[in-house]
Amino acid sequence: MSWLKAIFSKLLGLFVDDVGFAVAILGWVILAGLGLPRLGLPGHLPGLVLFVGLLGILMQSTVRRSRK
């Protein structure tokens, strides 16, 4: 059974380098997808909020990686 876990780990490592970064992005996209339409923001603002949130996640991850 440990060989199955090793295969899954290697396969996941091909697509995801930083698990925390991937989880933060998925969480933000889900939160924005569920919450932003309910706010009733006009026009392009939901897209802008999504972009700014993703940019913040990227900046936080970059700062965290640069300290290592």
C-alpha atoms as a PDB file:
ATOM      1  CA  MET A   1       0.000   0.000   0.000  1.00  0.00           C
ATOM      2  CA  SER A   2       2.922   2.349   0.561  1.00  0.00           C
ATOM      3  CA  TRP A   3       3.806   2.093  -3.130  1.00  0.00           C
ATOM      4  CA  LEU A   4       0.354   3.493  -3.973  1.00  0.00           C
ATOM      5  CA  LYS A   5       0.932   6.417  -1.639  1.00  0.00           C
ATOM      6  CA  ALA A   6       4.351   7.043  -3.217  1.00  0.00           C
ATOM      7  CA  ILE A   7       2.867   7.014  -6.712  1.00  0.00           C
ATOM      8  CA  PHE A   8       0.107   9.429  -5.696  1.00  0.00           C
ATOM      9  CA  SER A   9       2.644  11.706  -4.011  1.00  0.00           C
ATOM     10  CA  LYS A  10       4.876  11.803  -7.100  1.00  0.00           C
ATOM     11  CA  LEU A  11       1.909  12.398  -9.378  1.00  0.00           C
ATOM     12  CA  LEU A  12       0.644  15.247  -7.217  1.00  0.00           C
ATOM     13  CA  GLY A  13       4.162  16.706  -7.120  1.00  0.00           C
ATOM     14  CA  LEU A  14       4.143  16.957 -10.910  1.00  0.00           C
ATOM     15  CA  PHE A  15       1.257  19.427 -10.781  1.00  0.00           C
ATOM     16  CA  VAL A  16       1.479  21.070  -7.361  1.00  0.00           C
ATOM     17  CA  ASP A  17       4.760  22.406  -6.018  1.00  0.00           C
ATOM     18  CA  ASP A  18       3.399  24.386  -3.085  1.00  0.00           C
ATOM     19  CA  VAL A  19       0.304  22.833  -1.545  1.00  0.00           C
ATOM     20  CA  GLY A  20      -0.492  25.882   0.586  1.00  0.00           C
ATOM     21  CA  PHE A  21      -0.411  28.122  -2.475  1.00  0.00           C
ATOM     22  CA  ALA A  22      -2.710  25.795  -4.424  1.00  0.00           C
ATOM     23  CA  VAL A  23      -5.159  25.499  -1.529  1.00  0.00           C
ATOM     24  CA  ALA A  24      -5.237  29.284  -1.068  1.00  0.00           C
ATOM     25  CA  ILE A  25      -5.994  29.801  -4.768  1.00  0.00           C
ATOM     26  CA  LEU A  26      -8.730  27.164  -4.779  1.00  0.00           C
ATOM     27  CA  GLY A  27     -10.217  28.595  -1.594  1.00  0.00           C
ATOM     28  CA  TRP A  28     -10.253  32.131  -2.954  1.00  0.00           C
ATOM     29  CA  VAL A  29     -11.791  31.094  -6.284  1.00  0.00           C
ATOM     30  CA  ILE A  30     -14.521  29.116  -4.504  1.00  0.00           C
ATOM     31  CA  LEU A  31     -15.176  31.907  -2.007  1.00  0.00           C
ATOM     32  CA  ALA A  32     -15.288  34.536  -4.752  1.00  0.00           C
ATOM     33  CA  GLY A  33     -17.458  32.349  -6.969  1.00  0.00           C
ATOM     34  CA  LEU A  34     -20.001  31.838  -4.214  1.00  0.00           C
ATOM     35  CA  GLY A  35     -19.826  35.232  -2.536  1.00  0.00           C
ATOM     36  CA  LEU A  36     -19.238  37.877  -5.162  1.00  0.00           C
ATOM     37  CA  PRO A  37     -22.457  37.337  -7.139  1.00  0.00           C
ATOM     38  CA  ARG A  38     -24.450  37.812  -3.921  1.00  0.00           C
ATOM     39  CA  LEU A  39     -22.874  41.202  -3.289  1.00  0.00           C
ATOM     40  CA  GLY A  40     -24.420  42.641  -6.424  1.00  0.00           C
ATOM     41  CA  LEU A  41     -21.329  44.548  -7.473  1.00  0.00           C
ATOM     42  CA  PRO A  42     -21.674  46.443 -10.753  1.00  0.00           C
ATOM     43  CA  GLY A  43     -20.017  45.411 -14.016  1.00  0.00           C
ATOM     44  CA  HIS A  44     -16.338  44.615 -13.869  1.00  0.00           C
ATOM     45  CA  LEU A  45     -15.874  44.841 -10.084  1.00  0.00           C
ATOM     46  CA  PRO A  46     -16.283  41.104  -9.293  1.00  0.00           C
ATOM     47  CA  GLY A  47     -13.501  40.297 -11.757  1.00  0.00           C
ATOM     48  CA  LEU A  48     -11.334  43.005 -10.245  1.00  0.00           C
ATOM     49  CA  VAL A  49     -11.914  41.677  -6.716  1.00  0.00           C
ATOM     50  CA  LEU A  50     -11.034  38.159  -7.875  1.00  0.00           C
ATOM     51  CA  PHE A  51      -7.850  39.446  -9.543  1.00  0.00           C
ATOM     52  CA  VAL A  52      -6.764  41.496  -6.528  1.00  0.00           C
ATOM     53  CA  GLY A  53      -7.311  38.517  -4.226  1.00  0.00           C
ATOM     54  CA  LEU A  54      -5.258  36.217  -6.450  1.00  0.00           C
ATOM     55  CA  LEU A  55      -2.552  38.873  -6.712  1.00  0.00           C
ATOM     56  CA  GLY A  56      -2.449  39.113  -2.915  1.00  0.00           C
ATOM     57  CA  ILE A  57      -2.095  35.339  -2.614  1.00  0.00           C
ATOM     58  CA  LEU A  58       0.735  35.369  -5.164  1.00  0.00           C
ATOM     59  CA  MET A  59       2.546  38.204  -3.369  1.00  0.00           C
ATOM     60  CA  GLN A  60       2.210  36.479   0.005  1.00  0.00           C
ATOM     61  CA  SER A  61       3.537  33.238  -1.422  1.00  0.00           C
ATOM     62  CA  THR A  62       6.445  35.024  -3.102  1.00  0.00           C
ATOM     63  CA  VAL A  63       7.441  36.794   0.117  1.00  0.00           C
ATOM     64  CA  ARG A  64       7.190  33.522   2.063  1.00  0.00           C
ATOM     65  CA  ARG A  65       9.354  31.677  -0.487  1.00  0.00           C
ATOM     66  CA  SER A  66      11.968  34.426  -0.613  1.00  0.00           C
ATOM     67  CA  ARG A  67      12.515  34.179   3.146  1.00  0.00           C
ATOM     68  CA  LYS A  68      13.424  30.486   2.899  1.00  0.00           C
END
